[in-house]
N, C-alpha and C. Protein backbone atom coordinates (compact mmCIF):
# COMPACT_ATOMS: atom_id res chain seq x y z
N MET A 1 10.27 43.14 -7.43
CA MET A 1 10.09 41.90 -6.71
C MET A 1 8.77 41.97 -5.94
N SER A 2 8.00 40.90 -6.02
CA SER A 2 6.70 40.88 -5.34
C SER A 2 6.88 40.69 -3.84
N GLU A 3 5.81 41.00 -3.11
CA GLU A 3 5.81 40.83 -1.65
C GLU A 3 5.98 39.35 -1.28
N LEU A 4 5.32 38.44 -2.03
CA LEU A 4 5.45 37.01 -1.74
C LEU A 4 6.87 36.52 -1.98
N VAL A 5 7.47 36.93 -3.08
CA VAL A 5 8.85 36.52 -3.38
C VAL A 5 9.80 37.02 -2.28
N ALA A 6 9.66 38.28 -1.90
CA ALA A 6 10.52 38.84 -0.85
C ALA A 6 10.33 38.08 0.46
N ARG A 7 9.07 37.81 0.80
CA ARG A 7 8.78 37.08 2.04
C ARG A 7 9.38 35.68 2.02
N LEU A 8 9.19 34.96 0.90
CA LEU A 8 9.72 33.60 0.81
C LEU A 8 11.24 33.57 0.83
N ARG A 9 11.88 34.54 0.19
CA ARG A 9 13.35 34.59 0.22
C ARG A 9 13.85 34.78 1.65
N ARG A 10 13.18 35.65 2.39
CA ARG A 10 13.56 35.88 3.79
C ARG A 10 13.32 34.62 4.63
N LEU A 11 12.14 34.02 4.49
CA LEU A 11 11.81 32.82 5.26
C LEU A 11 12.73 31.65 4.90
N HIS A 12 13.05 31.52 3.60
CA HIS A 12 13.95 30.45 3.15
C HIS A 12 15.34 30.63 3.76
N ALA A 13 15.86 31.84 3.70
CA ALA A 13 17.19 32.11 4.26
C ALA A 13 17.21 31.87 5.77
N ASP A 14 16.21 32.38 6.47
CA ASP A 14 16.15 32.20 7.92
C ASP A 14 16.02 30.72 8.29
N GLY A 15 15.15 30.00 7.59
CA GLY A 15 14.89 28.61 7.91
C GLY A 15 16.02 27.66 7.58
N HIS A 16 16.87 28.04 6.63
CA HIS A 16 17.97 27.18 6.22
C HIS A 16 19.32 27.65 6.78
N ALA A 17 19.28 28.61 7.70
CA ALA A 17 20.52 29.16 8.25
C ALA A 17 21.18 28.24 9.26
N GLN A 18 20.47 27.23 9.72
CA GLN A 18 21.06 26.33 10.71
C GLN A 18 20.65 24.90 10.43
N ALA A 19 21.40 23.98 11.02
CA ALA A 19 21.09 22.56 10.88
C ALA A 19 19.78 22.25 11.59
N MET A 20 19.07 21.25 11.10
CA MET A 20 17.80 20.86 11.71
C MET A 20 17.77 19.35 11.87
N ASP A 21 17.42 18.91 13.06
CA ASP A 21 17.31 17.48 13.33
C ASP A 21 15.92 16.97 13.00
N ASN A 22 15.83 15.67 12.84
CA ASN A 22 14.56 14.95 12.71
C ASN A 22 13.73 15.32 11.49
N LEU A 23 14.38 15.70 10.40
CA LEU A 23 13.64 15.86 9.15
C LEU A 23 13.31 14.46 8.62
N LEU A 24 12.18 14.34 7.97
CA LEU A 24 11.77 13.03 7.47
C LEU A 24 12.63 12.60 6.29
N SER A 25 12.87 11.30 6.21
CA SER A 25 13.56 10.67 5.10
C SER A 25 13.27 9.19 5.18
N ASP A 26 13.33 8.49 4.07
CA ASP A 26 13.06 7.05 4.05
C ASP A 26 14.39 6.35 3.80
N GLU A 27 14.93 5.75 4.82
CA GLU A 27 16.27 5.18 4.75
C GLU A 27 16.28 3.68 4.45
N ARG A 28 15.18 3.14 3.87
CA ARG A 28 15.14 1.70 3.58
C ARG A 28 16.11 1.29 2.48
N HIS A 29 16.40 2.18 1.57
CA HIS A 29 17.28 1.85 0.45
C HIS A 29 18.73 1.86 0.94
N ASP A 30 19.49 0.84 0.60
CA ASP A 30 20.87 0.77 1.11
C ASP A 30 21.93 0.85 0.00
N GLY A 31 21.52 1.19 -1.20
CA GLY A 31 22.47 1.32 -2.30
C GLY A 31 22.75 2.78 -2.62
N ALA A 32 23.26 3.00 -3.82
CA ALA A 32 23.51 4.38 -4.27
C ALA A 32 22.17 5.04 -4.62
N PHE A 33 22.09 6.32 -4.35
CA PHE A 33 20.87 7.06 -4.64
C PHE A 33 20.99 7.78 -5.98
N ARG A 34 19.90 7.79 -6.74
CA ARG A 34 19.83 8.52 -8.00
C ARG A 34 19.28 9.91 -7.73
N PRO A 35 19.93 10.95 -8.26
CA PRO A 35 19.46 12.32 -7.98
C PRO A 35 18.18 12.65 -8.76
N ALA A 36 17.28 13.35 -8.07
CA ALA A 36 16.03 13.81 -8.67
C ALA A 36 15.70 15.18 -8.08
N ALA A 37 14.78 15.87 -8.71
CA ALA A 37 14.37 17.19 -8.23
C ALA A 37 12.89 17.39 -8.50
N VAL A 38 12.24 18.16 -7.64
CA VAL A 38 10.84 18.54 -7.84
C VAL A 38 10.71 20.05 -7.73
N LEU A 39 9.72 20.60 -8.43
CA LEU A 39 9.44 22.03 -8.34
C LEU A 39 8.28 22.24 -7.37
N ALA A 40 8.60 22.78 -6.20
CA ALA A 40 7.59 23.14 -5.20
C ALA A 40 7.15 24.56 -5.53
N ALA A 41 6.28 24.66 -6.54
CA ALA A 41 5.85 25.96 -7.07
C ALA A 41 4.67 26.49 -6.26
N ILE A 42 4.81 27.71 -5.78
CA ILE A 42 3.77 28.38 -5.00
C ILE A 42 3.16 29.47 -5.87
N THR A 43 1.83 29.47 -5.94
CA THR A 43 1.14 30.45 -6.77
C THR A 43 1.05 31.79 -6.05
N GLU A 44 1.25 32.84 -6.82
CA GLU A 44 1.22 34.20 -6.27
C GLU A 44 -0.22 34.71 -6.28
N ARG A 45 -0.89 34.46 -5.18
CA ARG A 45 -2.26 34.92 -5.02
C ARG A 45 -2.49 35.26 -3.56
N GLU A 46 -3.67 35.78 -3.24
CA GLU A 46 -3.96 36.20 -1.87
C GLU A 46 -3.75 35.05 -0.88
N ARG A 47 -4.20 33.85 -1.26
CA ARG A 47 -3.94 32.64 -0.46
C ARG A 47 -3.06 31.73 -1.33
N PRO A 48 -1.73 31.87 -1.21
CA PRO A 48 -0.83 31.10 -2.07
C PRO A 48 -1.03 29.59 -1.89
N GLY A 49 -0.84 28.87 -2.99
CA GLY A 49 -0.98 27.41 -2.94
C GLY A 49 0.13 26.72 -3.70
N PHE A 50 0.43 25.48 -3.30
CA PHE A 50 1.37 24.64 -4.04
C PHE A 50 0.66 24.05 -5.24
N LEU A 51 1.33 24.05 -6.40
CA LEU A 51 0.82 23.35 -7.59
C LEU A 51 1.20 21.88 -7.45
N LEU A 52 0.20 21.02 -7.48
CA LEU A 52 0.42 19.58 -7.36
C LEU A 52 -0.28 18.87 -8.50
N ILE A 53 0.20 17.68 -8.82
CA ILE A 53 -0.38 16.90 -9.91
C ILE A 53 -0.77 15.51 -9.42
N HIS A 54 -1.77 14.94 -10.10
CA HIS A 54 -2.11 13.52 -9.94
C HIS A 54 -1.43 12.80 -11.09
N ARG A 55 -0.67 11.78 -10.77
CA ARG A 55 -0.07 10.95 -11.81
C ARG A 55 -1.18 10.08 -12.44
N PRO A 56 -1.09 9.81 -13.75
CA PRO A 56 -2.07 8.91 -14.36
C PRO A 56 -2.03 7.52 -13.71
N SER A 57 -3.17 6.86 -13.66
CA SER A 57 -3.25 5.56 -13.00
C SER A 57 -2.54 4.45 -13.78
N ASN A 58 -2.18 4.71 -15.04
CA ASN A 58 -1.49 3.68 -15.83
C ASN A 58 0.03 3.86 -15.85
N MET A 59 0.56 4.78 -15.06
CA MET A 59 2.02 4.97 -15.04
C MET A 59 2.70 3.80 -14.35
N ARG A 60 3.93 3.50 -14.78
CA ARG A 60 4.67 2.39 -14.22
C ARG A 60 5.08 2.65 -12.77
N SER A 61 5.51 3.89 -12.48
CA SER A 61 5.91 4.20 -11.10
C SER A 61 4.97 5.25 -10.52
N HIS A 62 4.57 5.04 -9.30
CA HIS A 62 3.70 5.94 -8.53
C HIS A 62 2.39 6.25 -9.26
N PRO A 63 1.70 5.23 -9.80
CA PRO A 63 0.45 5.50 -10.51
C PRO A 63 -0.61 6.10 -9.59
N GLY A 64 -1.29 7.14 -10.09
CA GLY A 64 -2.38 7.76 -9.36
C GLY A 64 -1.99 8.62 -8.17
N GLN A 65 -0.72 8.65 -7.83
CA GLN A 65 -0.30 9.41 -6.65
C GLN A 65 -0.21 10.90 -6.95
N ILE A 66 -0.26 11.67 -5.87
CA ILE A 66 -0.10 13.12 -5.96
C ILE A 66 1.38 13.45 -5.81
N ALA A 67 1.85 14.39 -6.63
CA ALA A 67 3.27 14.72 -6.62
C ALA A 67 3.47 16.18 -7.01
N PHE A 68 4.66 16.67 -6.69
CA PHE A 68 5.13 17.91 -7.29
C PHE A 68 5.63 17.54 -8.69
N PRO A 69 5.60 18.47 -9.66
CA PRO A 69 6.25 18.18 -10.94
C PRO A 69 7.73 17.90 -10.68
N GLY A 70 8.25 16.88 -11.32
CA GLY A 70 9.67 16.58 -11.11
C GLY A 70 10.06 15.23 -11.65
N GLY A 71 11.34 14.92 -11.48
CA GLY A 71 11.86 13.65 -11.96
C GLY A 71 13.37 13.60 -11.82
N LYS A 72 13.95 12.64 -12.54
CA LYS A 72 15.39 12.42 -12.47
C LYS A 72 16.17 13.63 -12.96
N ILE A 73 17.34 13.83 -12.37
CA ILE A 73 18.27 14.86 -12.82
C ILE A 73 19.15 14.24 -13.90
N ASP A 74 19.14 14.84 -15.08
CA ASP A 74 19.96 14.34 -16.18
C ASP A 74 21.43 14.69 -15.94
N PRO A 75 22.36 13.93 -16.53
CA PRO A 75 23.78 14.26 -16.38
C PRO A 75 24.07 15.70 -16.78
N GLY A 76 24.81 16.41 -15.95
CA GLY A 76 25.18 17.79 -16.22
C GLY A 76 24.16 18.82 -15.76
N GLU A 77 22.99 18.38 -15.29
CA GLU A 77 21.96 19.29 -14.81
C GLU A 77 22.11 19.58 -13.32
N THR A 78 21.70 20.76 -12.92
CA THR A 78 21.56 21.07 -11.51
C THR A 78 20.14 20.69 -11.08
N PRO A 79 19.87 20.60 -9.77
CA PRO A 79 18.49 20.35 -9.35
C PRO A 79 17.51 21.41 -9.87
N VAL A 80 17.92 22.66 -9.88
CA VAL A 80 17.04 23.73 -10.37
C VAL A 80 16.73 23.51 -11.85
N GLU A 81 17.74 23.23 -12.65
CA GLU A 81 17.52 23.00 -14.09
C GLU A 81 16.59 21.81 -14.32
N ALA A 82 16.80 20.73 -13.56
CA ALA A 82 15.96 19.54 -13.72
C ALA A 82 14.52 19.83 -13.33
N ALA A 83 14.31 20.53 -12.21
CA ALA A 83 12.95 20.85 -11.76
C ALA A 83 12.23 21.73 -12.78
N LEU A 84 12.94 22.71 -13.34
CA LEU A 84 12.34 23.58 -14.35
C LEU A 84 12.02 22.81 -15.63
N ARG A 85 12.92 21.91 -16.04
CA ARG A 85 12.68 21.09 -17.24
C ARG A 85 11.45 20.20 -17.03
N GLU A 86 11.38 19.56 -15.88
CA GLU A 86 10.25 18.67 -15.60
C GLU A 86 8.93 19.44 -15.52
N ALA A 87 8.95 20.64 -14.94
CA ALA A 87 7.72 21.45 -14.86
C ALA A 87 7.25 21.83 -16.27
N TRP A 88 8.20 22.08 -17.17
CA TRP A 88 7.85 22.38 -18.56
C TRP A 88 7.26 21.14 -19.23
N GLU A 89 7.92 19.98 -19.05
CA GLU A 89 7.46 18.75 -19.69
C GLU A 89 6.10 18.30 -19.15
N GLU A 90 5.88 18.46 -17.86
CA GLU A 90 4.66 17.93 -17.25
C GLU A 90 3.48 18.91 -17.29
N LEU A 91 3.75 20.20 -17.07
CA LEU A 91 2.66 21.18 -16.98
C LEU A 91 2.75 22.32 -17.99
N GLY A 92 3.81 22.36 -18.79
CA GLY A 92 3.96 23.44 -19.75
C GLY A 92 4.30 24.77 -19.09
N ILE A 93 4.95 24.73 -17.94
CA ILE A 93 5.35 25.96 -17.25
C ILE A 93 6.67 26.44 -17.84
N HIS A 94 6.67 27.63 -18.41
CA HIS A 94 7.88 28.21 -18.99
C HIS A 94 8.81 28.69 -17.88
N GLU A 95 10.09 28.49 -18.08
CA GLU A 95 11.10 28.95 -17.12
C GLU A 95 10.96 30.44 -16.84
N ARG A 96 10.58 31.21 -17.86
CA ARG A 96 10.46 32.67 -17.69
C ARG A 96 9.36 33.05 -16.70
N ASP A 97 8.43 32.13 -16.43
CA ASP A 97 7.33 32.40 -15.51
C ASP A 97 7.64 31.95 -14.08
N VAL A 98 8.83 31.44 -13.85
CA VAL A 98 9.19 30.88 -12.55
C VAL A 98 10.24 31.76 -11.87
N THR A 99 9.97 32.14 -10.63
CA THR A 99 10.96 32.85 -9.81
C THR A 99 11.45 31.85 -8.77
N VAL A 100 12.69 31.40 -8.94
CA VAL A 100 13.25 30.40 -8.03
C VAL A 100 13.65 31.09 -6.72
N ILE A 101 13.21 30.50 -5.63
CA ILE A 101 13.57 30.99 -4.29
C ILE A 101 14.84 30.28 -3.81
N GLY A 102 14.89 28.97 -3.96
CA GLY A 102 16.07 28.20 -3.55
C GLY A 102 15.72 26.74 -3.37
N THR A 103 16.73 25.95 -3.05
CA THR A 103 16.53 24.53 -2.81
C THR A 103 16.36 24.29 -1.31
N SER A 104 15.90 23.09 -0.99
CA SER A 104 15.74 22.72 0.41
C SER A 104 16.35 21.35 0.63
N ASP A 105 16.07 20.78 1.78
CA ASP A 105 16.69 19.51 2.19
C ASP A 105 16.29 18.38 1.25
N THR A 106 17.28 17.57 0.88
CA THR A 106 16.97 16.41 0.04
C THR A 106 16.19 15.39 0.85
N TYR A 107 15.37 14.65 0.15
CA TYR A 107 14.58 13.58 0.75
C TYR A 107 14.96 12.28 0.04
N ARG A 108 15.38 11.30 0.82
CA ARG A 108 15.74 10.00 0.27
C ARG A 108 14.54 9.08 0.30
N THR A 109 14.26 8.47 -0.84
CA THR A 109 13.11 7.58 -0.95
C THR A 109 13.54 6.13 -0.77
N GLY A 110 12.59 5.30 -0.40
CA GLY A 110 12.86 3.88 -0.25
C GLY A 110 13.15 3.20 -1.57
N THR A 111 12.84 3.87 -2.68
CA THR A 111 13.10 3.30 -4.00
C THR A 111 14.41 3.78 -4.60
N GLY A 112 15.21 4.51 -3.81
CA GLY A 112 16.56 4.84 -4.24
C GLY A 112 16.77 6.19 -4.89
N TYR A 113 15.86 7.13 -4.67
CA TYR A 113 16.04 8.48 -5.20
C TYR A 113 16.38 9.44 -4.07
N GLU A 114 17.21 10.41 -4.40
CA GLU A 114 17.51 11.51 -3.48
C GLU A 114 16.93 12.76 -4.13
N VAL A 115 15.79 13.22 -3.59
CA VAL A 115 14.98 14.26 -4.22
C VAL A 115 15.28 15.62 -3.60
N THR A 116 15.65 16.58 -4.45
CA THR A 116 15.88 17.96 -4.01
C THR A 116 14.66 18.81 -4.34
N PRO A 117 13.97 19.36 -3.33
CA PRO A 117 12.88 20.28 -3.62
C PRO A 117 13.42 21.65 -4.03
N VAL A 118 12.86 22.21 -5.07
CA VAL A 118 13.21 23.55 -5.54
C VAL A 118 11.98 24.43 -5.30
N ILE A 119 12.11 25.36 -4.36
CA ILE A 119 11.00 26.24 -4.01
C ILE A 119 10.97 27.40 -4.99
N ALA A 120 9.77 27.71 -5.50
CA ALA A 120 9.64 28.76 -6.50
C ALA A 120 8.27 29.41 -6.39
N VAL A 121 8.14 30.55 -7.05
CA VAL A 121 6.87 31.27 -7.14
C VAL A 121 6.48 31.35 -8.61
N VAL A 122 5.20 31.11 -8.90
CA VAL A 122 4.67 31.26 -10.26
C VAL A 122 3.45 32.18 -10.20
N PRO A 123 3.14 32.85 -11.30
CA PRO A 123 1.99 33.75 -11.30
C PRO A 123 0.68 33.02 -11.01
N ALA A 124 -0.25 33.75 -10.40
CA ALA A 124 -1.59 33.20 -10.20
C ALA A 124 -2.25 32.97 -11.55
N ASP A 125 -3.04 31.94 -11.64
CA ASP A 125 -3.81 31.64 -12.86
C ASP A 125 -2.94 31.51 -14.11
N LEU A 126 -1.74 30.98 -13.91
CA LEU A 126 -0.84 30.69 -15.03
C LEU A 126 -1.50 29.65 -15.92
N GLU A 127 -1.45 29.86 -17.22
CA GLU A 127 -2.03 28.88 -18.14
C GLU A 127 -1.14 27.63 -18.15
N LEU A 128 -1.74 26.51 -17.80
CA LEU A 128 -1.01 25.25 -17.76
C LEU A 128 -1.45 24.36 -18.90
N ASN A 129 -0.50 23.59 -19.42
CA ASN A 129 -0.78 22.65 -20.51
C ASN A 129 -0.25 21.28 -20.09
N PRO A 130 -1.02 20.55 -19.27
CA PRO A 130 -0.53 19.27 -18.75
C PRO A 130 -0.30 18.23 -19.83
N SER A 131 0.78 17.48 -19.68
CA SER A 131 1.05 16.36 -20.58
C SER A 131 0.17 15.20 -20.15
N PRO A 132 -0.71 14.70 -21.02
CA PRO A 132 -1.62 13.62 -20.62
C PRO A 132 -0.92 12.32 -20.25
N THR A 133 0.31 12.13 -20.73
CA THR A 133 1.03 10.90 -20.37
C THR A 133 1.63 10.98 -18.97
N GLU A 134 1.75 12.20 -18.42
CA GLU A 134 2.37 12.35 -17.10
C GLU A 134 1.45 12.97 -16.05
N VAL A 135 0.36 13.59 -16.48
CA VAL A 135 -0.51 14.30 -15.54
C VAL A 135 -1.97 13.96 -15.83
N ALA A 136 -2.65 13.36 -14.84
CA ALA A 136 -4.08 13.08 -14.98
C ALA A 136 -4.88 14.34 -14.66
N GLN A 137 -4.45 15.09 -13.66
CA GLN A 137 -5.05 16.38 -13.32
C GLN A 137 -4.09 17.14 -12.42
N TRP A 138 -4.35 18.44 -12.26
CA TRP A 138 -3.54 19.25 -11.38
C TRP A 138 -4.46 20.05 -10.48
N PHE A 139 -3.92 20.53 -9.36
CA PHE A 139 -4.70 21.33 -8.43
C PHE A 139 -3.75 22.14 -7.57
N GLU A 140 -4.31 23.08 -6.82
CA GLU A 140 -3.55 23.86 -5.85
C GLU A 140 -4.01 23.49 -4.45
N ALA A 141 -3.07 23.33 -3.55
CA ALA A 141 -3.37 23.13 -2.13
C ALA A 141 -2.75 24.30 -1.38
N PRO A 142 -3.56 25.05 -0.62
CA PRO A 142 -3.04 26.25 0.05
C PRO A 142 -1.86 25.94 0.97
N VAL A 143 -0.83 26.77 0.88
CA VAL A 143 0.37 26.58 1.69
C VAL A 143 0.01 26.61 3.17
N ASP A 144 -0.84 27.55 3.59
CA ASP A 144 -1.17 27.64 5.01
C ASP A 144 -1.86 26.38 5.51
N PHE A 145 -2.63 25.71 4.65
CA PHE A 145 -3.30 24.47 5.03
C PHE A 145 -2.32 23.31 5.14
N VAL A 146 -1.54 23.08 4.08
CA VAL A 146 -0.64 21.91 4.09
C VAL A 146 0.52 22.08 5.07
N PHE A 147 0.92 23.33 5.37
CA PHE A 147 1.98 23.57 6.35
C PHE A 147 1.49 23.47 7.79
N ASN A 148 0.19 23.50 7.99
CA ASN A 148 -0.36 23.42 9.34
C ASN A 148 -0.15 22.00 9.87
N GLN A 149 0.61 21.89 10.97
CA GLN A 149 0.96 20.58 11.53
C GLN A 149 -0.28 19.74 11.87
N SER A 150 -1.39 20.38 12.24
CA SER A 150 -2.59 19.62 12.58
C SER A 150 -3.22 18.96 11.35
N ASN A 151 -2.86 19.41 10.16
CA ASN A 151 -3.35 18.78 8.92
C ASN A 151 -2.40 17.72 8.39
N GLN A 152 -1.26 17.55 9.02
CA GLN A 152 -0.27 16.54 8.64
C GLN A 152 -0.43 15.36 9.61
N VAL A 153 -1.23 14.40 9.22
CA VAL A 153 -1.61 13.31 10.09
C VAL A 153 -0.67 12.12 9.88
N GLU A 154 -0.10 11.63 10.97
CA GLU A 154 0.77 10.45 10.87
C GLU A 154 -0.10 9.21 10.77
N GLN A 155 0.20 8.39 9.77
CA GLN A 155 -0.52 7.15 9.52
C GLN A 155 0.47 5.99 9.51
N SER A 156 -0.06 4.78 9.51
CA SER A 156 0.81 3.61 9.38
C SER A 156 0.08 2.56 8.55
N ALA A 157 0.88 1.73 7.89
CA ALA A 157 0.34 0.64 7.09
C ALA A 157 1.36 -0.49 7.11
N PHE A 158 0.89 -1.70 6.97
CA PHE A 158 1.78 -2.86 6.88
C PHE A 158 2.12 -3.06 5.42
N TRP A 159 3.40 -2.96 5.07
CA TRP A 159 3.82 -3.05 3.66
C TRP A 159 5.19 -3.70 3.59
N GLN A 160 5.35 -4.63 2.67
CA GLN A 160 6.60 -5.37 2.45
C GLN A 160 7.15 -5.95 3.76
N GLY A 161 6.25 -6.56 4.52
CA GLY A 161 6.65 -7.27 5.71
C GLY A 161 6.92 -6.45 6.96
N ALA A 162 6.62 -5.17 6.92
CA ALA A 162 6.89 -4.33 8.09
C ALA A 162 5.87 -3.19 8.17
N GLU A 163 5.72 -2.66 9.37
CA GLU A 163 4.86 -1.51 9.54
C GLU A 163 5.61 -0.26 9.06
N ARG A 164 4.96 0.52 8.21
CA ARG A 164 5.55 1.75 7.68
C ARG A 164 4.73 2.93 8.17
N ARG A 165 5.42 3.99 8.57
CA ARG A 165 4.75 5.21 9.02
C ARG A 165 4.93 6.27 7.95
N TYR A 166 3.89 7.07 7.76
CA TYR A 166 3.94 8.11 6.73
C TYR A 166 3.00 9.24 7.13
N ILE A 167 3.18 10.38 6.47
CA ILE A 167 2.34 11.55 6.68
C ILE A 167 1.25 11.56 5.60
N GLU A 168 0.05 11.94 6.00
CA GLU A 168 -1.06 12.09 5.07
C GLU A 168 -1.70 13.45 5.29
N ILE A 169 -1.95 14.15 4.19
CA ILE A 169 -2.61 15.45 4.24
C ILE A 169 -3.82 15.37 3.30
N MET A 170 -5.00 15.61 3.85
CA MET A 170 -6.21 15.60 3.02
C MET A 170 -6.61 17.03 2.71
N TRP A 171 -6.59 17.37 1.42
CA TRP A 171 -7.08 18.69 0.98
C TRP A 171 -8.23 18.43 0.02
N GLN A 172 -9.44 18.82 0.45
CA GLN A 172 -10.65 18.54 -0.31
C GLN A 172 -10.69 17.04 -0.61
N GLN A 173 -10.78 16.63 -1.88
CA GLN A 173 -10.81 15.20 -2.19
C GLN A 173 -9.42 14.63 -2.49
N HIS A 174 -8.38 15.41 -2.28
CA HIS A 174 -7.02 15.00 -2.64
C HIS A 174 -6.28 14.43 -1.43
N ARG A 175 -5.76 13.23 -1.58
CA ARG A 175 -4.98 12.56 -0.53
C ARG A 175 -3.49 12.70 -0.86
N ILE A 176 -2.83 13.60 -0.14
CA ILE A 176 -1.40 13.83 -0.33
C ILE A 176 -0.68 12.99 0.71
N TRP A 177 0.20 12.10 0.27
CA TRP A 177 0.87 11.23 1.22
C TRP A 177 2.24 10.82 0.66
N GLY A 178 2.95 9.99 1.41
CA GLY A 178 4.22 9.46 0.94
C GLY A 178 5.28 10.53 0.80
N VAL A 179 6.05 10.45 -0.27
CA VAL A 179 7.18 11.36 -0.50
C VAL A 179 6.72 12.81 -0.54
N THR A 180 5.64 13.09 -1.25
CA THR A 180 5.16 14.47 -1.39
C THR A 180 4.79 15.06 -0.03
N ALA A 181 4.04 14.31 0.77
CA ALA A 181 3.66 14.80 2.10
C ALA A 181 4.89 14.96 3.00
N ALA A 182 5.85 14.06 2.87
CA ALA A 182 7.08 14.16 3.69
C ALA A 182 7.87 15.41 3.31
N ILE A 183 7.96 15.71 2.02
CA ILE A 183 8.66 16.91 1.58
C ILE A 183 7.92 18.15 2.09
N ILE A 184 6.60 18.15 2.00
CA ILE A 184 5.82 19.28 2.53
C ILE A 184 6.07 19.43 4.03
N HIS A 185 6.08 18.33 4.75
CA HIS A 185 6.35 18.37 6.20
C HIS A 185 7.71 19.00 6.47
N ASN A 186 8.74 18.53 5.75
CA ASN A 186 10.08 19.10 5.96
C ASN A 186 10.12 20.58 5.61
N LEU A 187 9.47 20.97 4.51
CA LEU A 187 9.43 22.38 4.13
C LEU A 187 8.73 23.21 5.21
N SER A 188 7.67 22.65 5.79
CA SER A 188 6.93 23.41 6.81
C SER A 188 7.78 23.63 8.06
N ARG A 189 8.76 22.80 8.29
CA ARG A 189 9.65 22.98 9.43
C ARG A 189 10.73 24.01 9.11
N ARG A 190 11.07 24.15 7.83
CA ARG A 190 12.11 25.11 7.42
C ARG A 190 11.55 26.50 7.16
N ILE A 191 10.32 26.59 6.70
CA ILE A 191 9.74 27.88 6.32
C ILE A 191 8.62 28.21 7.30
N ALA A 192 8.85 29.20 8.13
CA ALA A 192 7.90 29.59 9.18
C ALA A 192 6.79 30.43 8.56
N TRP A 193 5.87 29.76 7.88
CA TRP A 193 4.82 30.42 7.12
C TRP A 193 3.94 31.25 8.04
């Protein structure tokens, strides 16, 4: 077991050992939630980073946005199985190359999804084969940078008749916001990096 895997397992267990108040969630949706999962994959390198993707600008949902690999949970799947399947479909990441650390708090979206983050470690410089229909580009954002509360800037915008507040994280030219930034914020509160 690598030093990073051992450290993350310890931090995950410690951070999830008790209830936590005031985690972010979007409670605008008032119907049933559809289960989804994302793979919060951290690269095993001197400065570990989250693998993130840009959605193509022609996608029907969330065009051009930055996201973790992920999607809907199929019937009979666990969140871990769904996150691993989606990482394979979107980036060509083989399950054998993923060391799962564990799941974290679900995030409810205003569009009716209940997203389970699956924290994992992948090798540094893993060969990725992005699906062009689902991934415009991919990049790594250092965990220490995105977990730093001073880099998680609260913003607001007027949308659908009301003011909406959200977290925005700028890493180089990448604008991480919305669901992805909220999940990162919640993870940063659970994992004392």
